[in-house]
Amino acid sequence: MFLRHVSSGDIVEVMDVEALSNPFRNEVKGRFHAGEEMPDPTGFRKSDMTFLSGERLPRCWVDPYYKERKI
């Protein structure tokens, strides 16, 4: 799955989609897709990621208590 890194605007390939949808994980392994060589996977904070369209990640992916909190 590909997401956008907010601060750099670069595309990130998420290596562990299961961790992405787990609200108890704040970080996912991924790698930038910029330049000619593929870098080694590194950790990315979910709060620094959006979908390619610019939409934020769903609350159920980032907040383990999303059912208990009201906005």
C-alpha atoms as a PDB file:
ATOM      1  CA  MET A   1       0.000   0.000   0.000  1.00  0.00           C
ATOM      2  CA  PHE A   2       1.231   3.482  -0.784  1.00  0.00           C
ATOM      3  CA  LEU A   3       0.739   6.540   1.426  1.00  0.00           C
ATOM      4  CA  ARG A   4       2.071  10.101   1.395  1.00  0.00           C
ATOM      5  CA  HIS A   5       4.548  11.386   3.986  1.00  0.00           C
ATOM      6  CA  VAL A   6       3.062  14.725   5.042  1.00  0.00           C
ATOM      7  CA  SER A   7       6.208  16.737   5.780  1.00  0.00           C
ATOM      8  CA  SER A   8       8.150  15.728   2.660  1.00  0.00           C
ATOM      9  CA  GLY A   9       5.258  15.045   0.284  1.00  0.00           C
ATOM     10  CA  ASP A  10       7.017  11.875  -0.900  1.00  0.00           C
ATOM     11  CA  ILE A  11       5.285   8.549  -1.467  1.00  0.00           C
ATOM     12  CA  VAL A  12       5.940   5.783   1.056  1.00  0.00           C
ATOM     13  CA  GLU A  13       5.434   2.085   0.400  1.00  0.00           C
ATOM     14  CA  VAL A  14       4.026   0.532   3.582  1.00  0.00           C
ATOM     15  CA  MET A  15       5.627  -2.865   4.128  1.00  0.00           C
ATOM     16  CA  ASP A  16       3.252  -4.117   6.864  1.00  0.00           C
ATOM     17  CA  VAL A  17      -0.372  -3.307   6.067  1.00  0.00           C
ATOM     18  CA  GLU A  18      -1.566  -5.241   9.125  1.00  0.00           C
ATOM     19  CA  ALA A  19       0.393  -2.892  11.409  1.00  0.00           C
ATOM     20  CA  LEU A  20      -1.110   0.064   9.550  1.00  0.00           C
ATOM     21  CA  SER A  21      -4.650  -0.934  10.486  1.00  0.00           C
ATOM     22  CA  ASN A  22      -3.714  -1.880  14.071  1.00  0.00           C
ATOM     23  CA  PRO A  23      -4.684   1.095  16.281  1.00  0.00           C
ATOM     24  CA  PHE A  24      -2.230   0.004  18.997  1.00  0.00           C
ATOM     25  CA  ARG A  25       0.747   0.526  16.669  1.00  0.00           C
ATOM     26  CA  ASN A  26       1.937   4.127  16.276  1.00  0.00           C
ATOM     27  CA  GLU A  27       4.561   3.325  13.690  1.00  0.00           C
ATOM     28  CA  VAL A  28       4.757   1.255  10.503  1.00  0.00           C
ATOM     29  CA  LYS A  29       7.680  -0.024   8.460  1.00  0.00           C
ATOM     30  CA  GLY A  30       7.991   1.453   5.009  1.00  0.00           C
ATOM     31  CA  ARG A  31      10.334   3.011   2.492  1.00  0.00           C
ATOM     32  CA  PHE A  32      10.320   6.140   0.373  1.00  0.00           C
ATOM     33  CA  HIS A  33       9.657   5.814  -3.335  1.00  0.00           C
ATOM     34  CA  ALA A  34      11.816   8.697  -4.513  1.00  0.00           C
ATOM     35  CA  GLY A  35      15.051   8.565  -6.440  1.00  0.00           C
ATOM     36  CA  GLU A  36      16.579   5.704  -8.358  1.00  0.00           C
ATOM     37  CA  GLU A  37      17.604   3.328  -5.553  1.00  0.00           C
ATOM     38  CA  MET A  38      15.198   1.737  -3.099  1.00  0.00           C
ATOM     39  CA  PRO A  39      16.193   2.651   0.446  1.00  0.00           C
ATOM     40  CA  ASP A  40      16.060   0.203   3.335  1.00  0.00           C
ATOM     41  CA  PRO A  41      12.737   0.075   5.219  1.00  0.00           C
ATOM     42  CA  THR A  42      12.471   2.420   8.171  1.00  0.00           C
ATOM     43  CA  GLY A  43       9.836   3.354  10.744  1.00  0.00           C
ATOM     44  CA  PHE A  44       7.208   5.982   9.930  1.00  0.00           C
ATOM     45  CA  ARG A  45       4.759   7.457  12.411  1.00  0.00           C
ATOM     46  CA  LYS A  46       1.153   6.986  11.343  1.00  0.00           C
ATOM     47  CA  SER A  47       0.425  10.572  12.351  1.00  0.00           C
ATOM     48  CA  ASP A  48       2.854  11.696   9.607  1.00  0.00           C
ATOM     49  CA  MET A  49       0.998   9.782   6.868  1.00  0.00           C
ATOM     50  CA  THR A  50      -2.030  10.441   4.665  1.00  0.00           C
ATOM     51  CA  PHE A  51      -3.611   8.672   1.741  1.00  0.00           C
ATOM     52  CA  LEU A  52      -2.361   9.795  -1.667  1.00  0.00           C
ATOM     53  CA  SER A  53      -5.564  11.840  -2.024  1.00  0.00           C
ATOM     54  CA  GLY A  54      -4.608  13.843   1.075  1.00  0.00           C
ATOM     55  CA  GLU A  55      -7.225  12.246   3.326  1.00  0.00           C
ATOM     56  CA  ARG A  56      -6.179  11.384   6.856  1.00  0.00           C
ATOM     57  CA  LEU A  57      -6.006   7.782   8.003  1.00  0.00           C
ATOM     58  CA  PRO A  58      -9.234   6.475   9.587  1.00  0.00           C
ATOM     59  CA  ARG A  59      -9.557   6.982  13.342  1.00  0.00           C
ATOM     60  CA  CYS A  60      -9.991   3.240  13.859  1.00  0.00           C
ATOM     61  CA  TRP A  61      -6.416   2.793  12.521  1.00  0.00           C
ATOM     62  CA  VAL A  62      -4.785   5.375  14.804  1.00  0.00           C
ATOM     63  CA  ASP A  63      -6.872   5.613  17.998  1.00  0.00           C
ATOM     64  CA  PRO A  64      -7.252   2.401  20.036  1.00  0.00           C
ATOM     65  CA  TYR A  65     -10.115   3.972  21.998  1.00  0.00           C
ATOM     66  CA  TYR A  66     -12.036   5.384  19.030  1.00  0.00           C
ATOM     67  CA  LYS A  67     -15.290   3.683  20.139  1.00  0.00           C
ATOM     68  CA  GLU A  68     -15.157   5.258  23.594  1.00  0.00           C
ATOM     69  CA  ARG A  69     -14.323   8.830  22.564  1.00  0.00           C
ATOM     70  CA  LYS A  70     -16.756  11.215  21.001  1.00  0.00           C
ATOM     71  CA  ILE A  71     -15.645  14.072  18.824  1.00  0.00           C
END
